Amino acid sequence: LTAGDYIIIGSWATTILLGSAVSFYQLIRLDVKVDKKQFLIQLPGSWSTLIVMLLIFSSKYYFSYDLAINPHHAELTEYKLSMIAVSGLLTGFLQGRLVGYLYHFKNSANSNLGVRKTLI
């Protein structure tokens, strides 16, 4: 591994931690209701999940298109760094939300969110 590879790996880990911290902080401030008996969680409406999914699609589309047009960009450390940083930030955001859901499930008071319907 070269020094550039260590920088890329370090930036990936840093952006995952940053994305996780931001989304965890965003989620723990919400009014979340939990039904521990039926394993249900109720969240207030938000655009954040849609926005993250669109950002994931857009970034993957952009980087794939750019590599198809300019294949020599794959060798540039700056390009690799930006691609990995965007990917790490968005991955971290989704991981932080998962940890936030688990935090609420463990620490919130139990609520009755209704009867689970089963298919016969």
C-alpha atoms as a PDB file:
ATOM      1  CA  LEU A   1       0.000   0.000   0.000  1.00  0.00           C
ATOM      2  CA  THR A   2       1.173   3.494  -0.829  1.00  0.00           C
ATOM      3  CA  ALA A   3       0.773   6.675   1.196  1.00  0.00           C
ATOM      4  CA  GLY A   4      -2.090   7.710  -1.095  1.00  0.00           C
ATOM      5  CA  ASP A   5      -3.914   4.479  -0.282  1.00  0.00           C
ATOM      6  CA  TYR A   6      -3.663   5.203   3.441  1.00  0.00           C
ATOM      7  CA  ILE A   7      -5.058   8.691   2.874  1.00  0.00           C
ATOM      8  CA  ILE A   8      -7.976   7.245   0.913  1.00  0.00           C
ATOM      9  CA  ILE A   9      -8.723   4.613   3.562  1.00  0.00           C
ATOM     10  CA  GLY A  10      -8.452   7.203   6.333  1.00  0.00           C
ATOM     11  CA  SER A  11     -10.799   9.604   4.549  1.00  0.00           C
ATOM     12  CA  TRP A  12     -13.275   6.775   3.968  1.00  0.00           C
ATOM     13  CA  ALA A  13     -13.294   5.879   7.672  1.00  0.00           C
ATOM     14  CA  THR A  14     -13.510   9.537   8.686  1.00  0.00           C
ATOM     15  CA  THR A  15     -16.446  10.276   6.396  1.00  0.00           C
ATOM     16  CA  ILE A  16     -18.290   7.163   7.580  1.00  0.00           C
ATOM     17  CA  LEU A  17     -17.883   8.344  11.181  1.00  0.00           C
ATOM     18  CA  LEU A  18     -18.931  11.874  10.254  1.00  0.00           C
ATOM     19  CA  GLY A  19     -22.034  10.706   8.377  1.00  0.00           C
ATOM     20  CA  SER A  20     -22.937   8.356  11.222  1.00  0.00           C
ATOM     21  CA  ALA A  21     -22.576  11.063  13.853  1.00  0.00           C
ATOM     22  CA  VAL A  22     -24.677  13.579  11.909  1.00  0.00           C
ATOM     23  CA  SER A  23     -27.528  11.169  11.189  1.00  0.00           C
ATOM     24  CA  PHE A  24     -27.488   9.696  14.708  1.00  0.00           C
ATOM     25  CA  TYR A  25     -27.752  13.201  16.191  1.00  0.00           C
ATOM     26  CA  GLN A  26     -30.556  14.009  13.750  1.00  0.00           C
ATOM     27  CA  LEU A  27     -32.487  10.853  14.644  1.00  0.00           C
ATOM     28  CA  ILE A  28     -32.180  10.922  18.438  1.00  0.00           C
ATOM     29  CA  ARG A  29     -33.812  14.368  18.533  1.00  0.00           C
ATOM     30  CA  LEU A  30     -36.979  13.056  16.844  1.00  0.00           C
ATOM     31  CA  ASP A  31     -40.123  11.989  18.669  1.00  0.00           C
ATOM     32  CA  VAL A  32     -39.995   8.246  18.047  1.00  0.00           C
ATOM     33  CA  LYS A  33     -42.521   5.775  19.426  1.00  0.00           C
ATOM     34  CA  VAL A  34     -41.585   2.140  19.974  1.00  0.00           C
ATOM     35  CA  ASP A  35     -43.719  -0.962  20.453  1.00  0.00           C
ATOM     36  CA  LYS A  36     -41.262  -3.496  21.852  1.00  0.00           C
ATOM     37  CA  LYS A  37     -43.758  -6.360  22.002  1.00  0.00           C
ATOM     38  CA  GLN A  38     -44.561  -6.204  18.294  1.00  0.00           C
ATOM     39  CA  PHE A  39     -41.142  -4.890  17.205  1.00  0.00           C
ATOM     40  CA  LEU A  40     -42.613  -1.725  15.668  1.00  0.00           C
ATOM     41  CA  ILE A  41     -41.174   1.760  15.472  1.00  0.00           C
ATOM     42  CA  GLN A  42     -43.052   4.916  14.450  1.00  0.00           C
ATOM     43  CA  LEU A  43     -41.135   7.884  13.049  1.00  0.00           C
ATOM     44  CA  PRO A  44     -42.346  11.338  12.088  1.00  0.00           C
ATOM     45  CA  GLY A  45     -42.374  12.049   8.357  1.00  0.00           C
ATOM     46  CA  SER A  46     -39.112  13.225   6.835  1.00  0.00           C
ATOM     47  CA  TRP A  47     -37.538  13.824   3.439  1.00  0.00           C
ATOM     48  CA  SER A  48     -34.081  12.764   4.589  1.00  0.00           C
ATOM     49  CA  THR A  49     -34.254   9.139   3.425  1.00  0.00           C
ATOM     50  CA  LEU A  50     -35.449  10.147  -0.045  1.00  0.00           C
ATOM     51  CA  ILE A  51     -32.724  12.776  -0.296  1.00  0.00           C
ATOM     52  CA  VAL A  52     -30.012  10.299   0.723  1.00  0.00           C
ATOM     53  CA  MET A  53     -31.230   7.723  -1.800  1.00  0.00           C
ATOM     54  CA  LEU A  54     -31.231  10.357  -4.554  1.00  0.00           C
ATOM     55  CA  LEU A  55     -27.731  11.450  -3.537  1.00  0.00           C
ATOM     56  CA  ILE A  56     -26.515   7.845  -3.667  1.00  0.00           C
ATOM     57  CA  PHE A  57     -27.974   7.383  -7.142  1.00  0.00           C
ATOM     58  CA  SER A  58     -26.685  10.741  -8.380  1.00  0.00           C
ATOM     59  CA  SER A  59     -23.169  10.266  -7.052  1.00  0.00           C
ATOM     60  CA  LYS A  60     -22.873   6.740  -8.456  1.00  0.00           C
ATOM     61  CA  TYR A  61     -24.219   7.960 -11.798  1.00  0.00           C
ATOM     62  CA  TYR A  62     -21.831  10.921 -11.880  1.00  0.00           C
ATOM     63  CA  PHE A  63     -18.710   8.944 -10.995  1.00  0.00           C
ATOM     64  CA  SER A  64     -19.581   6.110 -13.402  1.00  0.00           C
ATOM     65  CA  TYR A  65     -20.271   8.545 -16.238  1.00  0.00           C
ATOM     66  CA  ASP A  66     -17.079  10.476 -15.538  1.00  0.00           C
ATOM     67  CA  LEU A  67     -15.016   7.275 -15.542  1.00  0.00           C
ATOM     68  CA  ALA A  68     -16.599   6.198 -18.827  1.00  0.00           C
ATOM     69  CA  ILE A  69     -15.715   9.527 -20.446  1.00  0.00           C
ATOM     70  CA  ASN A  70     -12.336  10.003 -18.719  1.00  0.00           C
ATOM     71  CA  PRO A  71     -10.875   6.584 -17.830  1.00  0.00           C
ATOM     72  CA  HIS A  72      -7.576   8.158 -16.758  1.00  0.00           C
ATOM     73  CA  HIS A  73      -9.367   9.707 -13.734  1.00  0.00           C
ATOM     74  CA  ALA A  74      -9.309   6.262 -12.114  1.00  0.00           C
ATOM     75  CA  GLU A  75      -5.572   6.722 -11.515  1.00  0.00           C
ATOM     76  CA  LEU A  76      -5.856  10.138  -9.828  1.00  0.00           C
ATOM     77  CA  THR A  77      -5.637  10.109  -6.035  1.00  0.00           C
ATOM     78  CA  GLU A  78      -7.873  13.192  -5.776  1.00  0.00           C
ATOM     79  CA  TYR A  79     -10.571  11.488  -7.817  1.00  0.00           C
ATOM     80  CA  LYS A  80     -10.394   8.312  -5.750  1.00  0.00           C
ATOM     81  CA  LEU A  81     -10.497  10.429  -2.601  1.00  0.00           C
ATOM     82  CA  SER A  82     -13.622  12.311  -3.658  1.00  0.00           C
ATOM     83  CA  MET A  83     -15.392   9.134  -4.795  1.00  0.00           C
ATOM     84  CA  ILE A  84     -14.607   7.296  -1.563  1.00  0.00           C
ATOM     85  CA  ALA A  85     -15.450  10.315   0.617  1.00  0.00           C
ATOM     86  CA  VAL A  86     -18.912  10.724  -0.933  1.00  0.00           C
ATOM     87  CA  SER A  87     -19.568   7.007  -0.651  1.00  0.00           C
ATOM     88  CA  GLY A  88     -18.367   6.929   2.956  1.00  0.00           C
ATOM     89  CA  LEU A  89     -20.465   9.935   3.958  1.00  0.00           C
ATOM     90  CA  LEU A  90     -23.667   8.470   2.527  1.00  0.00           C
ATOM     91  CA  THR A  91     -22.941   5.011   3.936  1.00  0.00           C
ATOM     92  CA  GLY A  92     -22.239   6.530   7.322  1.00  0.00           C
ATOM     93  CA  PHE A  93     -25.505   8.443   7.172  1.00  0.00           C
ATOM     94  CA  LEU A  94     -27.476   5.230   6.704  1.00  0.00           C
ATOM     95  CA  GLN A  95     -25.474   3.430   9.408  1.00  0.00           C
ATOM     96  CA  GLY A  96     -26.064   6.283  11.847  1.00  0.00           C
ATOM     97  CA  ARG A  97     -29.785   6.035  11.244  1.00  0.00           C
ATOM     98  CA  LEU A  98     -29.659   2.311  11.992  1.00  0.00           C
ATOM     99  CA  VAL A  99     -27.832   2.948  15.263  1.00  0.00           C
ATOM    100  CA  GLY A 100     -30.355   5.691  16.087  1.00  0.00           C
ATOM    101  CA  TYR A 101     -33.259   3.289  15.520  1.00  0.00           C
ATOM    102  CA  LEU A 102     -31.629   0.723  17.781  1.00  0.00           C
ATOM    103  CA  TYR A 103     -30.965   3.423  20.405  1.00  0.00           C
ATOM    104  CA  HIS A 104     -34.627   4.436  20.409  1.00  0.00           C
ATOM    105  CA  PHE A 105     -35.784   0.837  20.473  1.00  0.00           C
ATOM    106  CA  LYS A 106     -33.654   0.109  23.521  1.00  0.00           C
ATOM    107  CA  ASN A 107     -34.143   3.345  25.484  1.00  0.00           C
ATOM    108  CA  SER A 108     -37.657   4.554  24.630  1.00  0.00           C
ATOM    109  CA  ALA A 109     -40.735   3.807  26.687  1.00  0.00           C
ATOM    110  CA  ASN A 110     -42.992   1.100  25.298  1.00  0.00           C
ATOM    111  CA  SER A 111     -46.041   2.327  23.338  1.00  0.00           C
ATOM    112  CA  ASN A 112     -48.939   0.380  21.909  1.00  0.00           C
ATOM    113  CA  LEU A 113     -48.805   1.099  18.178  1.00  0.00           C
ATOM    114  CA  GLY A 114     -51.694  -1.153  17.207  1.00  0.00           C
ATOM    115  CA  VAL A 115     -52.329  -4.763  16.381  1.00  0.00           C
ATOM    116  CA  ARG A 116     -50.124  -6.392  13.775  1.00  0.00           C
ATOM    117  CA  LYS A 117     -52.192  -7.709  10.903  1.00  0.00           C
ATOM    118  CA  THR A 118     -51.306 -11.166   9.665  1.00  0.00           C
ATOM    119  CA  LEU A 119     -52.055 -12.675   6.319  1.00  0.00           C
ATOM    120  CA  ILE A 120     -53.922 -15.963   6.358  1.00  0.00           C
END
